[in-house]
Amino acid sequence: MAEADFLYRDLPLVNKRVHRLGLTFNFGLDGAGTQEALDAGMNYVLWNKLAGGGEQREVLKGALAKDREKYVLATGAKLGFFSGGVRRGAEAMLRSFDVDYLDVFHLFWLGRMSSFTESVQQELVKLRDEGLVRAIGISIHDRGRAGQLVTTSPLDLFMLRYNAAHPGAERDIFPHYEERRPLTVAYTATSWRKLLKAPKGWDGPPMTAGQCYRFCLSNPHVDLVLTGPKDVTQLRENLAALEDGPLTPDEDDWMRRFGRAVHG
């Protein structure tokens, strides 16, 4: 795989080319760090700070105002149990960032914070048909249900837990891509940092965060992986790690063995 193919991916549903390391704000990256990430070419941004604004939002809002077609803005409704709440959530994000459309609109944590009722599905499709969103997606832990939704739903994008300790999507979800290929975003690449520590009885080093991201991106079914650096040091380390490209067979074997040890 060529370096450009590993670092970037065309997303036909939103008609944009993106850096395959997507940016989130879970762990404290500040406004200056956000600007550095954008300047480094990270242009897929998941805005999951659903309450409030902050300096990160102002940096992102400024970037969108300058060149809207450069960035993929992914976000979602705070709660998605009813069709009215889904529409209000989309409209709130449109106002918050002063944009005409959202690239990706999620139902977050399907089964816990959102419900995939017929009316909710219809509202998502309507938002897409109206051009207010370009792609509709979900984040979901239930792999069996996700596999079914790949072939039975109108969803364009799946945000899935996938890492060396939890590779079950390879068995339960990705085989369904032979029938229909949605966009796929991996998250929890470090398994909530568990992969960054050697488990009891492991003789050797743990994985690095960069290796965790490379593990995800080496799977051909994964379009992007999300990172939530706490500061610019972590941001730079994560970006630099991707320059090593896809995993070698030996690296893949070692990381899977380590992931099994971490999972227990």
Protein backbone atom coordinates (compact mmCIF):
# COMPACT_ATOMS: atom_id res chain seq x y z
CA MET A 1 0.00 0.00 0.00
CA ALA A 2 1.43 3.37 -1.02
CA GLU A 3 1.95 5.97 1.72
CA ALA A 4 -0.68 8.28 0.20
CA ASP A 5 -3.21 5.44 0.17
CA PHE A 6 -2.49 4.68 3.82
CA LEU A 7 -2.65 8.28 5.05
CA TYR A 8 -5.62 9.47 3.01
CA ARG A 9 -8.96 8.08 1.90
CA ASP A 10 -11.64 9.31 -0.50
CA LEU A 11 -15.10 9.35 1.04
CA PRO A 12 -17.52 9.24 -1.89
CA LEU A 13 -20.67 9.82 0.18
CA VAL A 14 -19.42 13.22 1.28
CA ASN A 15 -17.30 13.70 -1.85
CA LYS A 16 -14.13 14.63 0.04
CA ARG A 17 -10.64 13.27 0.59
CA VAL A 18 -9.63 13.04 4.22
CA HIS A 19 -6.66 12.30 6.42
CA ARG A 20 -7.34 8.90 7.95
CA LEU A 21 -6.64 10.08 11.49
CA GLY A 22 -9.85 11.74 12.62
CA LEU A 23 -9.85 14.32 15.41
CA THR A 24 -11.96 14.22 18.58
CA PHE A 25 -11.87 16.30 21.73
CA ASN A 26 -12.45 13.80 24.53
CA PHE A 27 -9.22 14.32 26.42
CA GLY A 28 -8.47 18.02 26.46
CA LEU A 29 -6.70 19.16 23.28
CA ASP A 30 -6.92 22.95 23.45
CA GLY A 31 -7.56 25.55 20.78
CA ALA A 32 -3.91 25.89 19.78
CA GLY A 33 -3.63 22.12 19.49
CA THR A 34 -6.79 22.01 17.41
CA GLN A 35 -5.35 24.59 15.03
CA GLU A 36 -2.10 22.60 14.75
CA ALA A 37 -4.07 19.45 13.94
CA LEU A 38 -5.97 21.22 11.17
CA ASP A 39 -2.77 22.77 9.81
CA ALA A 40 -1.21 19.29 9.75
CA GLY A 41 -3.96 18.14 7.40
CA MET A 42 -6.38 16.48 9.78
CA ASN A 43 -9.69 17.35 8.18
CA TYR A 44 -12.16 14.77 9.57
CA VAL A 45 -13.46 16.19 12.83
CA LEU A 46 -15.93 14.48 15.14
CA TRP A 47 -17.55 17.15 17.28
CA ASN A 48 -18.84 15.19 20.27
CA LYS A 49 -18.76 18.03 22.79
CA LEU A 50 -22.52 18.24 22.61
CA ALA A 51 -22.92 20.83 25.35
CA GLY A 52 -21.23 24.20 25.29
CA GLY A 53 -18.64 25.60 22.93
CA GLY A 54 -15.08 26.37 23.92
CA GLU A 55 -11.99 27.51 22.09
CA GLN A 56 -11.82 24.31 20.05
CA ARG A 57 -15.22 25.05 18.54
CA GLU A 58 -14.17 28.58 17.65
CA VAL A 59 -11.05 27.31 15.88
CA LEU A 60 -13.07 24.73 13.97
CA LYS A 61 -15.80 27.23 13.16
CA GLY A 62 -13.19 29.61 11.73
CA ALA A 63 -11.70 26.86 9.58
CA LEU A 64 -15.12 25.90 8.24
CA ALA A 65 -15.89 29.53 7.39
CA LYS A 66 -12.61 29.82 5.49
CA ASP A 67 -12.89 26.61 3.44
CA ARG A 68 -16.04 24.57 4.08
CA GLU A 69 -15.31 22.00 1.38
CA LYS A 70 -11.96 21.07 2.90
CA TYR A 71 -13.39 19.62 6.10
CA VAL A 72 -15.66 16.77 7.07
CA LEU A 73 -17.72 17.83 10.07
CA ALA A 74 -19.22 14.85 11.86
CA THR A 75 -21.50 15.29 14.85
CA GLY A 76 -24.83 14.11 16.21
CA ALA A 77 -27.82 14.69 18.43
CA LYS A 78 -27.41 14.71 22.19
CA LEU A 79 -30.23 12.18 22.41
CA GLY A 80 -31.83 10.35 19.49
CA PHE A 81 -34.88 8.59 20.87
CA PHE A 82 -37.50 10.54 18.90
CA SER A 83 -37.62 12.02 15.41
CA GLY A 84 -38.19 15.56 16.70
CA GLY A 85 -35.07 15.38 18.87
CA VAL A 86 -33.03 14.13 15.94
CA ARG A 87 -34.04 17.06 13.75
CA ARG A 88 -33.54 19.58 16.55
CA GLY A 89 -30.10 18.13 17.18
CA ALA A 90 -29.10 18.54 13.55
CA GLU A 91 -30.47 22.06 13.38
CA ALA A 92 -28.64 22.99 16.59
CA MET A 93 -25.30 21.85 15.14
CA LEU A 94 -25.95 23.73 11.91
CA ARG A 95 -26.52 26.90 13.93
CA SER A 96 -23.60 26.26 16.25
CA PHE A 97 -21.09 26.08 13.40
CA ASP A 98 -22.94 28.46 11.08
CA VAL A 99 -22.90 25.99 8.19
CA ASP A 100 -25.45 24.95 5.56
CA TYR A 101 -24.89 21.22 5.93
CA LEU A 102 -23.27 18.59 8.15
CA ASP A 103 -21.09 16.01 6.45
CA VAL A 104 -21.99 13.20 8.85
CA PHE A 105 -24.83 13.12 11.38
CA HIS A 106 -24.79 10.33 13.96
CA LEU A 107 -27.12 8.67 16.31
CA PHE A 108 -24.68 8.32 19.20
CA TRP A 109 -24.48 5.08 21.17
CA LEU A 110 -27.36 3.29 19.51
CA GLY A 111 -29.25 1.24 22.08
CA ARG A 112 -28.29 3.50 24.98
CA MET A 113 -28.60 7.15 23.98
CA SER A 114 -30.47 6.61 20.73
CA SER A 115 -33.20 4.41 19.33
CA PHE A 116 -33.50 3.16 15.74
CA THR A 117 -37.27 3.37 15.44
CA GLU A 118 -39.00 3.71 12.11
CA SER A 119 -39.73 7.39 12.74
CA VAL A 120 -36.11 8.11 13.67
CA GLN A 121 -34.90 6.36 10.51
CA GLN A 122 -37.33 8.32 8.38
CA GLU A 123 -36.18 11.59 9.94
CA LEU A 124 -32.53 10.77 9.28
CA VAL A 125 -33.28 9.96 5.65
CA LYS A 126 -35.33 13.14 5.34
CA LEU A 127 -32.44 15.24 6.66
CA ARG A 128 -30.19 13.61 4.08
CA ASP A 129 -32.71 14.08 1.27
CA GLU A 130 -33.08 17.75 2.19
CA GLY A 131 -29.32 18.22 1.96
CA LEU A 132 -28.93 19.26 5.59
CA VAL A 133 -26.65 16.26 6.11
CA ARG A 134 -24.67 14.34 3.51
CA ALA A 135 -24.33 11.02 5.33
CA ILE A 136 -26.17 9.41 8.25
CA GLY A 137 -24.48 7.12 10.71
CA ILE A 138 -24.44 5.52 14.12
CA SER A 139 -21.99 4.60 16.83
CA ILE A 140 -22.73 1.19 18.30
CA HIS A 141 -21.19 -1.46 20.56
CA ASP A 142 -23.57 -4.30 19.66
CA ARG A 143 -21.66 -5.99 16.85
CA GLY A 144 -24.37 -8.50 16.00
CA ARG A 145 -26.91 -5.75 15.54
CA ALA A 146 -24.43 -3.63 13.60
CA GLY A 147 -23.86 -6.52 11.19
CA GLN A 148 -27.59 -6.76 10.56
CA LEU A 149 -27.94 -3.00 10.06
CA VAL A 150 -25.23 -3.01 7.40
CA THR A 151 -27.61 -4.84 5.06
CA THR A 152 -31.04 -3.77 6.34
CA SER A 153 -30.73 -0.05 7.07
CA PRO A 154 -30.25 3.20 5.12
CA LEU A 155 -27.14 4.06 7.19
CA ASP A 156 -24.10 5.38 5.33
CA LEU A 157 -21.52 5.19 8.14
CA PHE A 158 -20.75 2.96 11.10
CA MET A 159 -18.59 4.13 14.00
CA LEU A 160 -17.34 0.93 15.63
CA ARG A 161 -15.16 -0.21 18.50
CA TYR A 162 -12.22 -1.92 16.86
CA ASN A 163 -8.73 -2.52 18.22
CA ALA A 164 -6.22 -5.28 18.88
CA ALA A 165 -8.04 -6.30 22.06
CA HIS A 166 -11.49 -6.14 20.45
CA PRO A 167 -11.19 -7.31 16.82
CA GLY A 168 -14.64 -8.92 16.80
CA ALA A 169 -15.87 -6.67 13.99
CA GLU A 170 -13.77 -8.85 11.69
CA ARG A 171 -16.11 -11.73 12.47
CA ASP A 172 -19.45 -10.05 13.14
CA ILE A 173 -19.57 -6.96 10.91
CA PHE A 174 -17.01 -6.80 8.12
CA PRO A 175 -18.18 -9.99 6.34
CA HIS A 176 -21.48 -8.20 5.66
CA TYR A 177 -19.55 -5.64 3.59
CA GLU A 178 -19.64 -8.10 0.70
CA GLU A 179 -23.28 -7.04 0.27
CA ARG A 180 -22.93 -3.33 0.99
CA ARG A 181 -19.90 -1.24 1.93
CA PRO A 182 -20.66 1.62 4.34
CA LEU A 183 -18.05 4.10 5.53
CA THR A 184 -16.36 2.84 8.67
CA VAL A 185 -14.77 4.83 11.47
CA ALA A 186 -12.93 2.97 14.24
CA TYR A 187 -12.76 4.33 17.75
CA THR A 188 -11.26 3.24 21.10
CA ALA A 189 -8.11 2.27 19.18
CA THR A 190 -6.15 2.02 22.44
CA SER A 191 -9.01 0.19 24.23
CA TRP A 192 -9.29 3.11 26.64
CA ARG A 193 -5.49 3.03 27.06
CA LYS A 194 -5.45 -0.61 28.20
CA LEU A 195 -3.31 -1.49 25.18
CA LEU A 196 -0.69 1.02 26.34
CA LYS A 197 0.17 -1.05 29.43
CA ALA A 198 1.69 -4.52 29.54
CA PRO A 199 -0.71 -6.96 31.23
CA LYS A 200 0.41 -9.23 34.04
CA GLY A 201 2.60 -12.00 32.74
CA TRP A 202 3.45 -10.28 29.44
CA ASP A 203 7.17 -10.39 28.75
CA GLY A 204 7.87 -7.40 26.55
CA PRO A 205 6.77 -3.86 25.80
CA PRO A 206 3.15 -2.78 25.34
CA MET A 207 1.76 -1.25 22.17
CA THR A 208 2.17 2.45 21.54
CA ALA A 209 -0.74 4.67 20.62
CA GLY A 210 0.68 4.98 17.12
CA GLN A 211 0.77 1.21 16.73
CA CYS A 212 -2.86 1.05 17.86
CA TYR A 213 -3.86 3.47 15.11
CA ARG A 214 -1.82 1.60 12.51
CA PHE A 215 -3.52 -1.65 13.54
CA CYS A 216 -6.93 -0.14 12.79
CA LEU A 217 -5.93 1.52 9.54
CA SER A 218 -4.23 -1.61 8.22
CA ASN A 219 -7.64 -3.25 7.98
CA PRO A 220 -9.02 -2.54 4.48
CA HIS A 221 -12.56 -2.23 5.87
CA VAL A 222 -11.63 0.74 8.09
CA ASP A 223 -11.68 4.17 6.47
CA LEU A 224 -10.60 6.25 9.47
CA VAL A 225 -9.61 5.90 13.09
CA LEU A 226 -10.35 8.54 15.72
CA THR A 227 -7.77 10.04 18.04
CA GLY A 228 -8.36 12.28 21.05
CA PRO A 229 -4.92 13.60 22.05
CA LYS A 230 -4.66 15.48 25.32
CA ASP A 231 -1.99 17.87 24.02
CA VAL A 232 0.17 18.72 21.03
CA THR A 233 2.89 16.28 22.08
CA GLN A 234 0.51 13.35 21.76
CA LEU A 235 -0.91 14.81 18.57
CA ARG A 236 2.53 15.00 16.95
CA GLU A 237 3.47 11.49 18.09
CA ASN A 238 0.27 10.04 16.63
CA LEU A 239 0.74 11.76 13.30
CA ALA A 240 4.40 10.74 13.08
CA ALA A 241 3.56 7.10 13.84
CA LEU A 242 1.37 6.82 10.75
CA GLU A 243 4.40 7.48 8.57
CA ASP A 244 5.43 3.87 9.29
CA GLY A 245 2.54 2.78 7.09
CA PRO A 246 0.52 -0.43 7.29
CA LEU A 247 1.53 -3.28 9.56
CA THR A 248 3.91 -5.96 8.42
CA PRO A 249 2.68 -9.55 8.94
CA ASP A 250 5.02 -9.91 11.92
CA GLU A 251 3.73 -6.69 13.49
CA ASP A 252 0.14 -7.78 12.96
CA ASP A 253 0.80 -11.15 14.59
CA TRP A 254 2.55 -9.56 17.58
CA MET A 255 -0.20 -6.97 18.13
CA ARG A 256 -2.95 -9.57 17.97
CA ARG A 257 -1.15 -11.73 20.53
CA PHE A 258 -0.71 -8.70 22.75
CA GLY A 259 -4.36 -7.73 22.29
CA ARG A 260 -5.48 -11.20 23.37
CA ALA A 261 -3.29 -10.93 26.46
CA VAL A 262 -4.80 -7.56 27.34
CA HIS A 263 -8.34 -8.82 26.78
CA GLY A 264 -7.66 -11.79 29.00
